[in-house]
Amino acid sequence: MGWHNTNEASPVHLRLFLYGPARSGKTTAAATFPVPLFFLPPNEDSIESLRGRGIRYYQLGEAQPGVKPVPLRDELESQIEILGAFAMKHGPQAFWQQYGRTIVVDQLTLYSDAVMAELQGDREKATDGNWGQLRTHFIRLRDGLWRLPAHIILTSGDEVKLTREGVVTRAGPKLQGDARDFLPGSTNLLGYMEQVGGPNGSTSFMCHFKKHGPFPAGARFGARMPPMSMACGDGVVTPTLYQQLAHAAGIPQ
């Protein structure tokens, strides 16, 4: 049934968009979520952030002997459809055992650039039809991911646009087309990541869920999670990003 009451239990799963400059800890922070499965775009070096963690990942655009390559958007959509069909047929518990508790689509900046290059082909400029295809793809991708019984994390780079006088006219996730607005806006958490200096010259990462300089951020949990910045800890000395978010959102750990 479609009817619900806002006094029902809190959502079990988080939908999170993390963005920031290169090496700001996006992939590392996503890896702190329970049993993650990563989708990696072509030519992305995220694997170095995951190496040694025993994390499963799917490499998009990977050539298979004897298999005809398919467009990236078709490949990712079909993989998400496979996950959704499995969850529908076997239920959440079986899904968690088979695929994990968290699905991460990493580095959408590179992914959206690659998809648009496929759509544009040899043309000098993308057509209105190409932009419409890209938007439709991202809507399908979002809807497919949202149906999965898992935490969903999307990551991208950041972008700042300035006038000649140095005035910021736009700051936010770096994505092609309308996706830079509706994808982050569809999540319940938008976090801006940055690398900060730690004690004795060490490096640590912060995730801001409040406006940080020109960069927008925020959360849809009201008083349960006021705008704040969180240190992405190691789970021992400092709680991990997931541990902090789960506590704020009232998710049992």
C-alpha atoms as a PDB file:
ATOM      1  CA  MET A   1       0.000   0.000   0.000  1.00  0.00           C
ATOM      2  CA  GLY A   2       1.114   3.564  -0.608  1.00  0.00           C
ATOM      3  CA  TRP A   3      -0.126   5.060   2.675  1.00  0.00           C
ATOM      4  CA  HIS A   4       2.327   5.569   5.552  1.00  0.00           C
ATOM      5  CA  ASN A   5       2.725   7.616   8.721  1.00  0.00           C
ATOM      6  CA  THR A   6       5.709   9.813   9.573  1.00  0.00           C
ATOM      7  CA  ASN A   7       5.819   8.235  13.050  1.00  0.00           C
ATOM      8  CA  GLU A   8       6.881   4.941  11.506  1.00  0.00           C
ATOM      9  CA  ALA A   9      10.415   3.679  12.049  1.00  0.00           C
ATOM     10  CA  SER A  10      13.319   5.672  10.628  1.00  0.00           C
ATOM     11  CA  PRO A  11      14.637   4.668   7.205  1.00  0.00           C
ATOM     12  CA  VAL A  12      16.948   1.696   7.408  1.00  0.00           C
ATOM     13  CA  HIS A  13      19.165   2.815   4.542  1.00  0.00           C
ATOM     14  CA  LEU A  14      20.916   6.070   3.690  1.00  0.00           C
ATOM     15  CA  ARG A  15      21.156   7.702   0.275  1.00  0.00           C
ATOM     16  CA  LEU A  16      24.308   9.757   0.230  1.00  0.00           C
ATOM     17  CA  PHE A  17      26.075  11.965  -2.307  1.00  0.00           C
ATOM     18  CA  LEU A  18      29.734  12.747  -1.542  1.00  0.00           C
ATOM     19  CA  TYR A  19      31.698  15.223  -3.631  1.00  0.00           C
ATOM     20  CA  GLY A  20      35.011  17.005  -3.369  1.00  0.00           C
ATOM     21  CA  PRO A  21      38.419  17.411  -4.985  1.00  0.00           C
ATOM     22  CA  ALA A  22      40.710  14.529  -5.851  1.00  0.00           C
ATOM     23  CA  ARG A  23      42.130  12.670  -2.830  1.00  0.00           C
ATOM     24  CA  SER A  24      39.615  14.232  -0.450  1.00  0.00           C
ATOM     25  CA  GLY A  25      38.585  10.838   0.965  1.00  0.00           C
ATOM     26  CA  LYS A  26      35.331  10.180  -0.910  1.00  0.00           C
ATOM     27  CA  THR A  27      36.110   6.567  -1.782  1.00  0.00           C
ATOM     28  CA  THR A  28      37.704   5.915   1.601  1.00  0.00           C
ATOM     29  CA  ALA A  29      34.659   7.304   3.426  1.00  0.00           C
ATOM     30  CA  ALA A  30      32.278   5.230   1.293  1.00  0.00           C
ATOM     31  CA  ALA A  31      34.311   2.138   2.113  1.00  0.00           C
ATOM     32  CA  THR A  32      33.469   2.569   5.829  1.00  0.00           C
ATOM     33  CA  PHE A  33      29.832   1.670   5.131  1.00  0.00           C
ATOM     34  CA  PRO A  34      28.695  -1.909   5.810  1.00  0.00           C
ATOM     35  CA  VAL A  35      29.795  -4.515   3.225  1.00  0.00           C
ATOM     36  CA  PRO A  36      30.140  -2.163   0.236  1.00  0.00           C
ATOM     37  CA  LEU A  37      30.020  -3.128  -3.431  1.00  0.00           C
ATOM     38  CA  PHE A  38      31.636  -0.555  -5.735  1.00  0.00           C
ATOM     39  CA  PHE A  39      30.897   0.238  -9.371  1.00  0.00           C
ATOM     40  CA  LEU A  40      34.012   1.891 -10.835  1.00  0.00           C
ATOM     41  CA  PRO A  41      34.105   3.881 -14.101  1.00  0.00           C
ATOM     42  CA  PRO A  42      36.760   3.300 -16.757  1.00  0.00           C
ATOM     43  CA  ASN A  43      40.205   4.798 -16.129  1.00  0.00           C
ATOM     44  CA  GLU A  44      39.494   5.567 -12.489  1.00  0.00           C
ATOM     45  CA  ASP A  45      42.159   4.763  -9.902  1.00  0.00           C
ATOM     46  CA  SER A  46      39.765   4.271  -6.976  1.00  0.00           C
ATOM     47  CA  ILE A  47      41.013   0.717  -6.664  1.00  0.00           C
ATOM     48  CA  GLU A  48      44.156   2.070  -4.955  1.00  0.00           C
ATOM     49  CA  SER A  49      41.979   3.482  -2.170  1.00  0.00           C
ATOM     50  CA  LEU A  50      40.288   0.093  -1.774  1.00  0.00           C
ATOM     51  CA  ARG A  51      43.283  -2.204  -2.124  1.00  0.00           C
ATOM     52  CA  GLY A  52      43.770  -4.612   0.771  1.00  0.00           C
ATOM     53  CA  ARG A  53      40.278  -4.030   2.209  1.00  0.00           C
ATOM     54  CA  GLY A  54      38.671  -7.147   0.732  1.00  0.00           C
ATOM     55  CA  ILE A  55      35.991  -5.046  -1.005  1.00  0.00           C
ATOM     56  CA  ARG A  56      34.163  -6.320  -4.085  1.00  0.00           C
ATOM     57  CA  TYR A  57      33.932  -4.062  -7.118  1.00  0.00           C
ATOM     58  CA  TYR A  58      32.606  -4.129 -10.658  1.00  0.00           C
ATOM     59  CA  GLN A  59      34.801  -2.515 -13.300  1.00  0.00           C
ATOM     60  CA  LEU A  60      32.676  -0.772 -15.927  1.00  0.00           C
ATOM     61  CA  GLY A  61      33.936  -0.729 -19.515  1.00  0.00           C
ATOM     62  CA  GLU A  62      36.241  -3.687 -18.988  1.00  0.00           C
ATOM     63  CA  ALA A  63      36.930  -5.551 -22.231  1.00  0.00           C
ATOM     64  CA  GLN A  64      35.807  -9.182 -22.203  1.00  0.00           C
ATOM     65  CA  PRO A  65      37.322 -11.656 -24.695  1.00  0.00           C
ATOM     66  CA  GLY A  66      34.759 -12.626 -27.301  1.00  0.00           C
ATOM     67  CA  VAL A  67      32.127 -10.252 -25.900  1.00  0.00           C
ATOM     68  CA  LYS A  68      30.951  -7.247 -27.904  1.00  0.00           C
ATOM     69  CA  PRO A  69      31.332  -4.024 -25.879  1.00  0.00           C
ATOM     70  CA  VAL A  70      28.108  -2.308 -24.851  1.00  0.00           C
ATOM     71  CA  PRO A  71      27.585   1.381 -24.065  1.00  0.00           C
ATOM     72  CA  LEU A  72      28.505   2.252 -20.503  1.00  0.00           C
ATOM     73  CA  ARG A  73      24.999   3.446 -19.663  1.00  0.00           C
ATOM     74  CA  ASP A  74      23.522   0.122 -20.829  1.00  0.00           C
ATOM     75  CA  GLU A  75      26.116  -1.833 -18.870  1.00  0.00           C
ATOM     76  CA  LEU A  76      25.505  -0.016 -15.589  1.00  0.00           C
ATOM     77  CA  GLU A  77      21.720   0.007 -15.974  1.00  0.00           C
ATOM     78  CA  SER A  78      21.696  -3.729 -16.689  1.00  0.00           C
ATOM     79  CA  GLN A  79      23.846  -4.485 -13.647  1.00  0.00           C
ATOM     80  CA  ILE A  80      21.546  -2.438 -11.394  1.00  0.00           C
ATOM     81  CA  GLU A  81      18.553  -4.243 -12.925  1.00  0.00           C
ATOM     82  CA  ILE A  82      20.173  -7.587 -12.061  1.00  0.00           C
ATOM     83  CA  LEU A  83      20.587  -6.482  -8.451  1.00  0.00           C
ATOM     84  CA  GLY A  84      17.007  -5.220  -8.317  1.00  0.00           C
ATOM     85  CA  ALA A  85      15.570  -8.423  -9.782  1.00  0.00           C
ATOM     86  CA  PHE A  86      17.528 -10.504  -7.276  1.00  0.00           C
ATOM     87  CA  ALA A  87      16.287  -8.391  -4.358  1.00  0.00           C
ATOM     88  CA  MET A  88      12.694  -8.622  -5.590  1.00  0.00           C
ATOM     89  CA  LYS A  89      12.851 -12.394  -6.012  1.00  0.00           C
ATOM     90  CA  HIS A  90      14.861 -13.410  -2.937  1.00  0.00           C
ATOM     91  CA  GLY A  91      14.347 -10.572  -0.424  1.00  0.00           C
ATOM     92  CA  PRO A  92      16.691  -8.276   1.516  1.00  0.00           C
ATOM     93  CA  GLN A  93      18.461 -10.927   3.604  1.00  0.00           C
ATOM     94  CA  ALA A  94      19.524 -12.900   0.530  1.00  0.00           C
ATOM     95  CA  PHE A  95      20.501  -9.660  -1.213  1.00  0.00           C
ATOM     96  CA  TRP A  96      22.777  -8.680   1.688  1.00  0.00           C
ATOM     97  CA  GLN A  97      24.459 -12.069   1.606  1.00  0.00           C
ATOM     98  CA  GLN A  98      24.932 -12.002  -2.161  1.00  0.00           C
ATOM     99  CA  TYR A  99      25.831  -8.360  -2.794  1.00  0.00           C
ATOM    100  CA  GLY A 100      26.343  -6.579   0.528  1.00  0.00           C
ATOM    101  CA  ARG A 101      24.670  -3.778   2.444  1.00  0.00           C
ATOM    102  CA  THR A 102      26.014  -0.769   0.511  1.00  0.00           C
ATOM    103  CA  ILE A 103      26.124   0.030  -3.212  1.00  0.00           C
ATOM    104  CA  VAL A 104      28.613   2.705  -4.297  1.00  0.00           C
ATOM    105  CA  VAL A 105      28.711   4.270  -7.766  1.00  0.00           C
ATOM    106  CA  ASP A 106      32.097   5.951  -7.589  1.00  0.00           C
ATOM    107  CA  GLN A 107      33.394   9.006  -9.444  1.00  0.00           C
ATOM    108  CA  LEU A 108      30.347  10.013 -11.443  1.00  0.00           C
ATOM    109  CA  THR A 109      32.353  12.908 -12.877  1.00  0.00           C
ATOM    110  CA  LEU A 110      34.468  10.565 -14.977  1.00  0.00           C
ATOM    111  CA  TYR A 111      31.501   8.307 -15.644  1.00  0.00           C
ATOM    112  CA  SER A 112      29.248  11.107 -16.948  1.00  0.00           C
ATOM    113  CA  ASP A 113      32.084  12.428 -19.136  1.00  0.00           C
ATOM    114  CA  ALA A 114      32.580   8.954 -20.641  1.00  0.00           C
ATOM    115  CA  VAL A 115      28.851   8.446 -21.252  1.00  0.00           C
ATOM    116  CA  MET A 116      28.520  11.828 -22.940  1.00  0.00           C
ATOM    117  CA  ALA A 117      31.542  11.047 -25.130  1.00  0.00           C
ATOM    118  CA  GLU A 118      29.789   7.844 -26.227  1.00  0.00           C
ATOM    119  CA  LEU A 119      26.553   9.711 -26.959  1.00  0.00           C
ATOM    120  CA  GLN A 120      28.278  12.542 -28.828  1.00  0.00           C
ATOM    121  CA  GLY A 121      30.377  10.246 -30.995  1.00  0.00           C
ATOM    122  CA  ASP A 122      32.261  12.070 -33.762  1.00  0.00           C
ATOM    123  CA  ARG A 123      30.121  15.201 -33.554  1.00  0.00           C
ATOM    124  CA  GLU A 124      31.882  18.394 -32.541  1.00  0.00           C
ATOM    125  CA  LYS A 125      29.162  19.258 -30.039  1.00  0.00           C
ATOM    126  CA  ALA A 126      26.538  17.272 -28.186  1.00  0.00           C
ATOM    127  CA  THR A 127      22.976  17.696 -29.422  1.00  0.00           C
ATOM    128  CA  ASP A 128      19.883  18.426 -27.342  1.00  0.00           C
ATOM    129  CA  GLY A 129      18.958  14.805 -27.925  1.00  0.00           C
ATOM    130  CA  ASN A 130      22.265  13.671 -26.397  1.00  0.00           C
ATOM    131  CA  TRP A 131      21.628  15.744 -23.266  1.00  0.00           C
ATOM    132  CA  GLY A 132      18.129  14.295 -23.042  1.00  0.00           C
ATOM    133  CA  GLN A 133      19.525  10.764 -23.308  1.00  0.00           C
ATOM    134  CA  LEU A 134      22.013  11.492 -20.525  1.00  0.00           C
ATOM    135  CA  ARG A 135      19.289  12.854 -18.256  1.00  0.00           C
ATOM    136  CA  THR A 136      17.023   9.881 -18.947  1.00  0.00           C
ATOM    137  CA  HIS A 137      19.883   7.515 -18.140  1.00  0.00           C
ATOM    138  CA  PHE A 138      20.601   9.138 -14.804  1.00  0.00           C
ATOM    139  CA  ILE A 139      16.915   9.108 -13.887  1.00  0.00           C
ATOM    140  CA  ARG A 140      16.773   5.378 -14.643  1.00  0.00           C
ATOM    141  CA  LEU A 141      19.961   4.819 -12.697  1.00  0.00           C
ATOM    142  CA  ARG A 142      18.656   6.709  -9.679  1.00  0.00           C
ATOM    143  CA  ASP A 143      15.301   4.923  -9.718  1.00  0.00           C
ATOM    144  CA  GLY A 144      16.977   1.523 -10.005  1.00  0.00           C
ATOM    145  CA  LEU A 145      19.370   2.233  -7.150  1.00  0.00           C
ATOM    146  CA  TRP A 146      16.625   3.602  -4.903  1.00  0.00           C
ATOM    147  CA  ARG A 147      14.743   0.313  -5.176  1.00  0.00           C
ATOM    148  CA  LEU A 148      17.644  -1.674  -3.736  1.00  0.00           C
ATOM    149  CA  PRO A 149      17.567  -2.700  -0.040  1.00  0.00           C
ATOM    150  CA  ALA A 150      20.962  -1.102   0.626  1.00  0.00           C
ATOM    151  CA  HIS A 151      22.732   2.107   1.518  1.00  0.00           C
ATOM    152  CA  ILE A 152      23.387   4.005  -1.731  1.00  0.00           C
ATOM    153  CA  ILE A 153      26.434   6.241  -2.123  1.00  0.00           C
ATOM    154  CA  LEU A 154      27.209   8.354  -5.190  1.00  0.00           C
ATOM    155  CA  THR A 155      30.494  10.267  -5.470  1.00  0.00           C
ATOM    156  CA  SER A 156      31.826  12.930  -7.806  1.00  0.00           C
ATOM    157  CA  GLY A 157      34.435  15.617  -8.101  1.00  0.00           C
ATOM    158  CA  ASP A 158      33.753  19.256  -7.298  1.00  0.00           C
ATOM    159  CA  GLU A 159      33.508  22.297  -9.540  1.00  0.00           C
ATOM    160  CA  VAL A 160      33.829  26.028  -8.962  1.00  0.00           C
ATOM    161  CA  LYS A 161      32.949  28.599 -11.618  1.00  0.00           C
ATOM    162  CA  LEU A 162      34.289  32.141 -11.288  1.00  0.00           C
ATOM    163  CA  THR A 163      33.848  35.434 -13.069  1.00  0.00           C
ATOM    164  CA  ARG A 164      36.912  37.274 -14.357  1.00  0.00           C
ATOM    165  CA  GLU A 165      36.825  39.244 -11.122  1.00  0.00           C
ATOM    166  CA  GLY A 166      37.053  36.047  -9.088  1.00  0.00           C
ATOM    167  CA  VAL A 167      33.428  36.016  -7.915  1.00  0.00           C
ATOM    168  CA  VAL A 168      31.998  32.535  -7.432  1.00  0.00           C
ATOM    169  CA  THR A 169      28.960  32.027  -9.653  1.00  0.00           C
ATOM    170  CA  ARG A 170      28.484  28.310  -8.994  1.00  0.00           C
ATOM    171  CA  ALA A 171      30.003  25.652  -6.774  1.00  0.00           C
ATOM    172  CA  GLY A 172      28.973  22.047  -6.312  1.00  0.00           C
ATOM    173  CA  PRO A 173      29.295  18.544  -7.726  1.00  0.00           C
ATOM    174  CA  LYS A 174      30.971  18.277 -11.120  1.00  0.00           C
ATOM    175  CA  LEU A 175      28.600  16.383 -13.401  1.00  0.00           C
ATOM    176  CA  GLN A 176      27.457  16.689 -16.975  1.00  0.00           C
ATOM    177  CA  GLY A 177      24.065  18.287 -17.634  1.00  0.00           C
ATOM    178  CA  ASP A 178      21.069  18.398 -15.306  1.00  0.00           C
ATOM    179  CA  ALA A 179      22.417  15.463 -13.292  1.00  0.00           C
ATOM    180  CA  ARG A 180      24.608  17.852 -11.284  1.00  0.00           C
ATOM    181  CA  ASP A 181      21.444  19.199  -9.673  1.00  0.00           C
ATOM    182  CA  PHE A 182      18.849  16.438  -9.550  1.00  0.00           C
ATOM    183  CA  LEU A 183      21.117  13.565  -8.510  1.00  0.00           C
ATOM    184  CA  PRO A 184      22.503  15.306  -5.387  1.00  0.00           C
ATOM    185  CA  GLY A 185      19.023  16.698  -4.733  1.00  0.00           C
ATOM    186  CA  SER A 186      17.528  13.208  -4.783  1.00  0.00           C
ATOM    187  CA  THR A 187      19.668  11.965  -1.892  1.00  0.00           C
ATOM    188  CA  ASN A 188      18.948  12.517   1.795  1.00  0.00           C
ATOM    189  CA  LEU A 189      22.552  13.503   2.535  1.00  0.00           C
ATOM    190  CA  LEU A 190      24.815  15.797   0.515  1.00  0.00           C
ATOM    191  CA  GLY A 191      28.352  15.935   1.862  1.00  0.00           C
ATOM    192  CA  TYR A 192      31.326  18.025   0.768  1.00  0.00           C
ATOM    193  CA  MET A 193      34.652  16.287   1.431  1.00  0.00           C
ATOM    194  CA  GLU A 194      38.060  17.817   2.077  1.00  0.00           C
ATOM    195  CA  GLN A 195      41.485  16.665   3.194  1.00  0.00           C
ATOM    196  CA  VAL A 196      42.750  18.321   6.367  1.00  0.00           C
ATOM    197  CA  GLY A 197      45.987  18.145   8.294  1.00  0.00           C
ATOM    198  CA  GLY A 198      46.093  15.944  11.367  1.00  0.00           C
ATOM    199  CA  PRO A 199      48.493  15.794  14.322  1.00  0.00           C
ATOM    200  CA  ASN A 200      52.220  15.316  13.632  1.00  0.00           C
ATOM    201  CA  GLY A 201      51.771  16.021   9.948  1.00  0.00           C
ATOM    202  CA  SER A 202      49.273  13.225   9.372  1.00  0.00           C
ATOM    203  CA  THR A 203      46.357  13.458   6.948  1.00  0.00           C
ATOM    204  CA  SER A 204      42.692  13.112   7.783  1.00  0.00           C
ATOM    205  CA  PHE A 205      39.390  13.836   6.066  1.00  0.00           C
ATOM    206  CA  MET A 206      36.305  15.865   6.921  1.00  0.00           C
ATOM    207  CA  CYS A 207      32.808  15.601   5.517  1.00  0.00           C
ATOM    208  CA  HIS A 208      30.680  18.744   5.768  1.00  0.00           C
ATOM    209  CA  PHE A 209      26.900  18.465   5.929  1.00  0.00           C
ATOM    210  CA  LYS A 210      26.555  22.216   6.092  1.00  0.00           C
ATOM    211  CA  LYS A 211      27.566  24.887   3.582  1.00  0.00           C
ATOM    212  CA  HIS A 212      31.349  24.991   3.469  1.00  0.00           C
ATOM    213  CA  GLY A 213      32.615  28.142   1.803  1.00  0.00           C
ATOM    214  CA  PRO A 214      30.898  28.224  -1.594  1.00  0.00           C
ATOM    215  CA  PHE A 215      30.071  24.498  -1.502  1.00  0.00           C
ATOM    216  CA  PRO A 216      26.492  23.431  -0.700  1.00  0.00           C
ATOM    217  CA  ALA A 217      25.811  20.506   1.639  1.00  0.00           C
ATOM    218  CA  GLY A 218      22.998  19.339   3.869  1.00  0.00           C
ATOM    219  CA  ALA A 219      20.857  16.562   5.293  1.00  0.00           C
ATOM    220  CA  ARG A 220      17.163  15.663   5.409  1.00  0.00           C
ATOM    221  CA  PHE A 221      16.935  14.437   8.970  1.00  0.00           C
ATOM    222  CA  GLY A 222      15.747  17.616  10.664  1.00  0.00           C
ATOM    223  CA  ALA A 223      16.569  17.943  14.362  1.00  0.00           C
ATOM    224  CA  ARG A 224      17.943  14.397  14.430  1.00  0.00           C
ATOM    225  CA  MET A 225      20.916  15.578  12.398  1.00  0.00           C
ATOM    226  CA  PRO A 226      21.535  19.336  12.431  1.00  0.00           C
ATOM    227  CA  PRO A 227      24.033  20.729   9.914  1.00  0.00           C
ATOM    228  CA  MET A 228      27.508  19.665  11.000  1.00  0.00           C
ATOM    229  CA  SER A 229      30.961  18.560   9.914  1.00  0.00           C
ATOM    230  CA  MET A 230      32.194  15.068  10.649  1.00  0.00           C
ATOM    231  CA  ALA A 231      35.703  13.649  10.868  1.00  0.00           C
ATOM    232  CA  CYS A 232      36.027  10.468   8.806  1.00  0.00           C
ATOM    233  CA  GLY A 233      37.676   8.351  11.466  1.00  0.00           C
ATOM    234  CA  ASP A 234      39.055   4.832  11.626  1.00  0.00           C
ATOM    235  CA  GLY A 235      36.291   3.357  13.771  1.00  0.00           C
ATOM    236  CA  VAL A 236      38.664   2.865  16.698  1.00  0.00           C
ATOM    237  CA  VAL A 237      40.000   6.230  17.850  1.00  0.00           C
ATOM    238  CA  THR A 238      37.365   8.237  15.956  1.00  0.00           C
ATOM    239  CA  PRO A 239      34.026   6.867  14.716  1.00  0.00           C
ATOM    240  CA  THR A 240      33.812   6.279  10.973  1.00  0.00           C
ATOM    241  CA  LEU A 241      31.556   8.426   8.823  1.00  0.00           C
ATOM    242  CA  TYR A 242      28.993   5.637   8.683  1.00  0.00           C
ATOM    243  CA  GLN A 243      28.975   5.136  12.464  1.00  0.00           C
ATOM    244  CA  GLN A 244      28.307   8.839  12.998  1.00  0.00           C
ATOM    245  CA  LEU A 245      25.594   9.047  10.345  1.00  0.00           C
ATOM    246  CA  ALA A 246      23.870   5.886  11.539  1.00  0.00           C
ATOM    247  CA  HIS A 247      23.792   7.236  15.091  1.00  0.00           C
ATOM    248  CA  ALA A 248      22.392  10.592  13.937  1.00  0.00           C
ATOM    249  CA  ALA A 249      19.764   8.968  11.711  1.00  0.00           C
ATOM    250  CA  GLY A 250      18.741   6.421  14.364  1.00  0.00           C
ATOM    251  CA  ILE A 251      19.861   3.366  12.405  1.00  0.00           C
ATOM    252  CA  PRO A 252      20.641   0.343  14.634  1.00  0.00           C
ATOM    253  CA  GLN A 253      24.270  -0.791  14.291  1.00  0.00           C
END
